[in-house]
Amino acid sequence: MHPSISQFPNSSFYRKQICDAPDVKHKTYEKRYLPGRCFGPYSFINVPLGKEEMDDVGHSRMNMVEVALVMKI
């Protein structure tokens, strides 16, 4: 897990007892899936008009407005 993602749960729930693997700490591990400085190892994107719905079986939730936005990215 990327150190910037593991930092919060590790310090908040695990008393900093979990260590990141050595390879994720190297600069060569850093990946950019989306262009732009605002996108790091994780991003929160506000989708104000989205609405969660249950699938036909009733097991999973889906939000088609979010899907459409992600497809554009």
N, C-alpha and C. Protein backbone atom coordinates (compact mmCIF):
# COMPACT_ATOMS: atom_id res chain seq x y z
N MET A 1 0.85 -1.17 0.00
CA MET A 1 0.00 0.00 0.00
C MET A 1 0.90 1.24 0.00
N HIS A 2 0.50 2.24 -0.74
CA HIS A 2 1.28 3.47 -0.80
C HIS A 2 1.34 4.11 0.60
N PRO A 3 2.51 4.58 1.02
CA PRO A 3 2.64 5.15 2.37
C PRO A 3 1.65 6.28 2.67
N SER A 4 1.31 7.08 1.68
CA SER A 4 0.37 8.17 1.96
C SER A 4 -1.05 7.66 2.19
N ILE A 5 -1.33 6.45 1.73
CA ILE A 5 -2.64 5.84 1.98
C ILE A 5 -2.63 5.12 3.33
N SER A 6 -1.55 4.45 3.65
CA SER A 6 -1.50 3.68 4.89
C SER A 6 -1.25 4.54 6.13
N GLN A 7 -0.81 5.76 5.94
CA GLN A 7 -0.44 6.61 7.07
C GLN A 7 -1.59 6.80 8.06
N PHE A 8 -2.78 7.15 7.58
CA PHE A 8 -3.90 7.41 8.50
C PHE A 8 -4.32 6.16 9.28
N PRO A 9 -4.66 5.05 8.61
CA PRO A 9 -5.09 3.89 9.42
C PRO A 9 -3.98 3.37 10.33
N ASN A 10 -2.75 3.44 9.86
CA ASN A 10 -1.64 2.94 10.67
C ASN A 10 -1.50 3.76 11.95
N SER A 11 -1.57 5.08 11.84
CA SER A 11 -1.40 5.91 13.04
C SER A 11 -2.67 5.96 13.89
N SER A 12 -3.84 5.85 13.27
CA SER A 12 -5.10 5.98 14.01
C SER A 12 -5.59 4.69 14.64
N PHE A 13 -5.30 3.56 14.01
CA PHE A 13 -5.87 2.30 14.48
C PHE A 13 -4.83 1.26 14.90
N TYR A 14 -3.63 1.33 14.36
CA TYR A 14 -2.65 0.27 14.58
C TYR A 14 -1.43 0.71 15.38
N ARG A 15 -1.48 1.89 15.98
CA ARG A 15 -0.38 2.42 16.80
C ARG A 15 0.97 2.35 16.08
N LYS A 16 0.94 2.60 14.79
CA LYS A 16 2.14 2.64 13.93
C LYS A 16 2.93 1.34 13.97
N GLN A 17 2.22 0.22 14.12
CA GLN A 17 2.89 -1.08 14.17
C GLN A 17 2.99 -1.74 12.80
N ILE A 18 2.32 -1.19 11.80
CA ILE A 18 2.35 -1.77 10.46
C ILE A 18 3.40 -1.04 9.63
N CYS A 19 4.24 -1.79 8.96
CA CYS A 19 5.30 -1.20 8.14
C CYS A 19 4.95 -1.34 6.66
N ASP A 20 5.25 -0.29 5.90
CA ASP A 20 5.09 -0.37 4.45
C ASP A 20 6.24 -1.20 3.88
N ALA A 21 5.97 -1.92 2.82
CA ALA A 21 7.02 -2.71 2.18
C ALA A 21 8.11 -1.79 1.64
N PRO A 22 9.35 -2.23 1.64
CA PRO A 22 10.45 -1.37 1.18
C PRO A 22 10.27 -0.86 -0.25
N ASP A 23 9.70 -1.68 -1.14
CA ASP A 23 9.58 -1.25 -2.53
C ASP A 23 8.60 -0.09 -2.73
N VAL A 24 7.60 0.06 -1.86
CA VAL A 24 6.64 1.16 -2.04
C VAL A 24 7.21 2.49 -1.57
N LYS A 25 8.33 2.47 -0.89
CA LYS A 25 8.95 3.70 -0.41
C LYS A 25 9.88 4.33 -1.45
N HIS A 26 10.24 3.58 -2.48
CA HIS A 26 11.15 4.08 -3.51
C HIS A 26 10.41 4.97 -4.50
N LYS A 27 11.10 5.94 -5.02
CA LYS A 27 10.52 6.87 -6.00
C LYS A 27 10.05 6.13 -7.26
N THR A 28 10.70 5.02 -7.60
CA THR A 28 10.32 4.27 -8.79
C THR A 28 8.94 3.62 -8.65
N TYR A 29 8.45 3.49 -7.43
CA TYR A 29 7.14 2.87 -7.20
C TYR A 29 6.00 3.85 -7.49
N GLU A 30 6.30 5.14 -7.43
CA GLU A 30 5.26 6.15 -7.60
C GLU A 30 4.61 6.04 -8.97
N LYS A 31 3.31 5.90 -8.98
CA LYS A 31 2.57 5.75 -10.23
C LYS A 31 1.57 6.89 -10.36
N ARG A 32 1.36 7.34 -11.56
CA ARG A 32 0.37 8.38 -11.85
C ARG A 32 -0.61 7.79 -12.85
N TYR A 33 -1.82 7.55 -12.38
CA TYR A 33 -2.84 6.99 -13.27
C TYR A 33 -3.61 8.08 -13.99
N LEU A 34 -3.67 9.27 -13.38
CA LEU A 34 -4.37 10.39 -13.98
C LEU A 34 -3.42 11.57 -14.09
N PRO A 35 -3.51 12.34 -15.17
CA PRO A 35 -2.62 13.49 -15.32
C PRO A 35 -3.03 14.62 -14.38
N GLY A 36 -2.08 15.43 -14.02
CA GLY A 36 -2.37 16.60 -13.18
C GLY A 36 -1.87 16.42 -11.77
N ARG A 37 -1.49 17.54 -11.17
CA ARG A 37 -0.94 17.51 -9.82
C ARG A 37 -1.99 17.19 -8.76
N CYS A 38 -3.27 17.41 -9.07
CA CYS A 38 -4.30 17.18 -8.06
C CYS A 38 -4.57 15.69 -7.86
N PHE A 39 -4.09 14.84 -8.76
CA PHE A 39 -4.31 13.40 -8.63
C PHE A 39 -3.04 12.75 -8.10
N GLY A 40 -3.11 12.21 -6.91
CA GLY A 40 -1.98 11.51 -6.31
C GLY A 40 -2.29 10.03 -6.26
N PRO A 41 -1.81 9.33 -5.23
CA PRO A 41 -2.09 7.90 -5.09
C PRO A 41 -3.59 7.64 -4.87
N TYR A 42 -4.30 8.66 -4.40
CA TYR A 42 -5.74 8.55 -4.25
C TYR A 42 -6.34 9.94 -4.45
N SER A 43 -7.59 9.99 -4.82
CA SER A 43 -8.27 11.27 -5.04
C SER A 43 -9.73 11.14 -4.62
N PHE A 44 -10.28 12.22 -4.13
CA PHE A 44 -11.70 12.30 -3.83
C PHE A 44 -12.31 13.25 -4.84
N ILE A 45 -13.32 12.80 -5.53
CA ILE A 45 -13.96 13.62 -6.55
C ILE A 45 -15.42 13.77 -6.17
N ASN A 46 -15.85 15.01 -6.01
CA ASN A 46 -17.23 15.29 -5.63
C ASN A 46 -18.16 15.05 -6.82
N VAL A 47 -19.16 14.21 -6.60
CA VAL A 47 -20.17 13.94 -7.63
C VAL A 47 -21.53 14.28 -7.00
N PRO A 48 -21.94 15.54 -7.09
CA PRO A 48 -23.11 15.99 -6.34
C PRO A 48 -24.44 15.41 -6.79
N LEU A 49 -24.58 15.02 -8.04
CA LEU A 49 -25.88 14.56 -8.53
C LEU A 49 -26.01 13.04 -8.57
N GLY A 50 -25.03 12.34 -8.05
CA GLY A 50 -25.08 10.89 -8.07
C GLY A 50 -26.07 10.34 -7.06
N LYS A 51 -26.61 9.17 -7.37
CA LYS A 51 -27.55 8.51 -6.46
C LYS A 51 -27.26 7.02 -6.47
N GLU A 52 -27.08 6.45 -5.29
CA GLU A 52 -26.82 5.02 -5.20
C GLU A 52 -28.11 4.23 -5.39
N GLU A 53 -27.98 3.15 -6.14
CA GLU A 53 -29.11 2.25 -6.37
C GLU A 53 -28.62 0.83 -6.13
N MET A 54 -29.54 -0.06 -5.80
CA MET A 54 -29.19 -1.47 -5.64
C MET A 54 -29.24 -2.15 -7.00
N ASP A 55 -28.37 -3.14 -7.17
CA ASP A 55 -28.41 -3.91 -8.41
C ASP A 55 -29.66 -4.79 -8.43
N ASP A 56 -29.86 -5.50 -9.53
CA ASP A 56 -31.06 -6.32 -9.69
C ASP A 56 -31.17 -7.44 -8.66
N VAL A 57 -30.03 -7.90 -8.18
CA VAL A 57 -30.03 -9.00 -7.22
C VAL A 57 -30.16 -8.49 -5.79
N GLY A 58 -29.83 -7.22 -5.57
CA GLY A 58 -29.92 -6.64 -4.24
C GLY A 58 -28.69 -6.84 -3.39
N HIS A 59 -27.56 -7.16 -4.04
CA HIS A 59 -26.32 -7.40 -3.31
C HIS A 59 -25.35 -6.23 -3.36
N SER A 60 -25.38 -5.46 -4.43
CA SER A 60 -24.39 -4.41 -4.62
C SER A 60 -25.05 -3.08 -4.91
N ARG A 61 -24.38 -2.03 -4.47
CA ARG A 61 -24.85 -0.68 -4.78
C ARG A 61 -24.10 -0.17 -6.00
N MET A 62 -24.76 0.67 -6.76
CA MET A 62 -24.12 1.27 -7.92
C MET A 62 -24.57 2.72 -8.04
N ASN A 63 -23.73 3.51 -8.65
CA ASN A 63 -24.03 4.92 -8.87
C ASN A 63 -23.61 5.23 -10.30
N MET A 64 -24.57 5.26 -11.19
CA MET A 64 -24.27 5.40 -12.61
C MET A 64 -23.73 6.79 -12.97
N VAL A 65 -24.05 7.82 -12.19
CA VAL A 65 -23.49 9.14 -12.44
C VAL A 65 -21.99 9.12 -12.14
N GLU A 66 -21.60 8.46 -11.06
CA GLU A 66 -20.18 8.32 -10.75
C GLU A 66 -19.46 7.51 -11.83
N VAL A 67 -20.10 6.45 -12.30
CA VAL A 67 -19.51 5.63 -13.36
C VAL A 67 -19.25 6.49 -14.60
N ALA A 68 -20.22 7.29 -14.99
CA ALA A 68 -20.07 8.14 -16.17
C ALA A 68 -18.91 9.13 -16.00
N LEU A 69 -18.77 9.69 -14.80
CA LEU A 69 -17.68 10.63 -14.55
C LEU A 69 -16.32 9.94 -14.63
N VAL A 70 -16.21 8.78 -14.02
CA VAL A 70 -14.95 8.04 -14.05
C VAL A 70 -14.59 7.64 -15.48
N MET A 71 -15.58 7.29 -16.27
CA MET A 71 -15.31 6.92 -17.66
C MET A 71 -14.75 8.10 -18.46
N LYS A 72 -15.17 9.32 -18.12
CA LYS A 72 -14.64 10.51 -18.80
C LYS A 72 -13.21 10.79 -18.40
N ILE A 73 -12.87 10.49 -17.16
CA ILE A 73 -11.51 10.73 -16.68
C ILE A 73 -10.57 9.78 -17.38
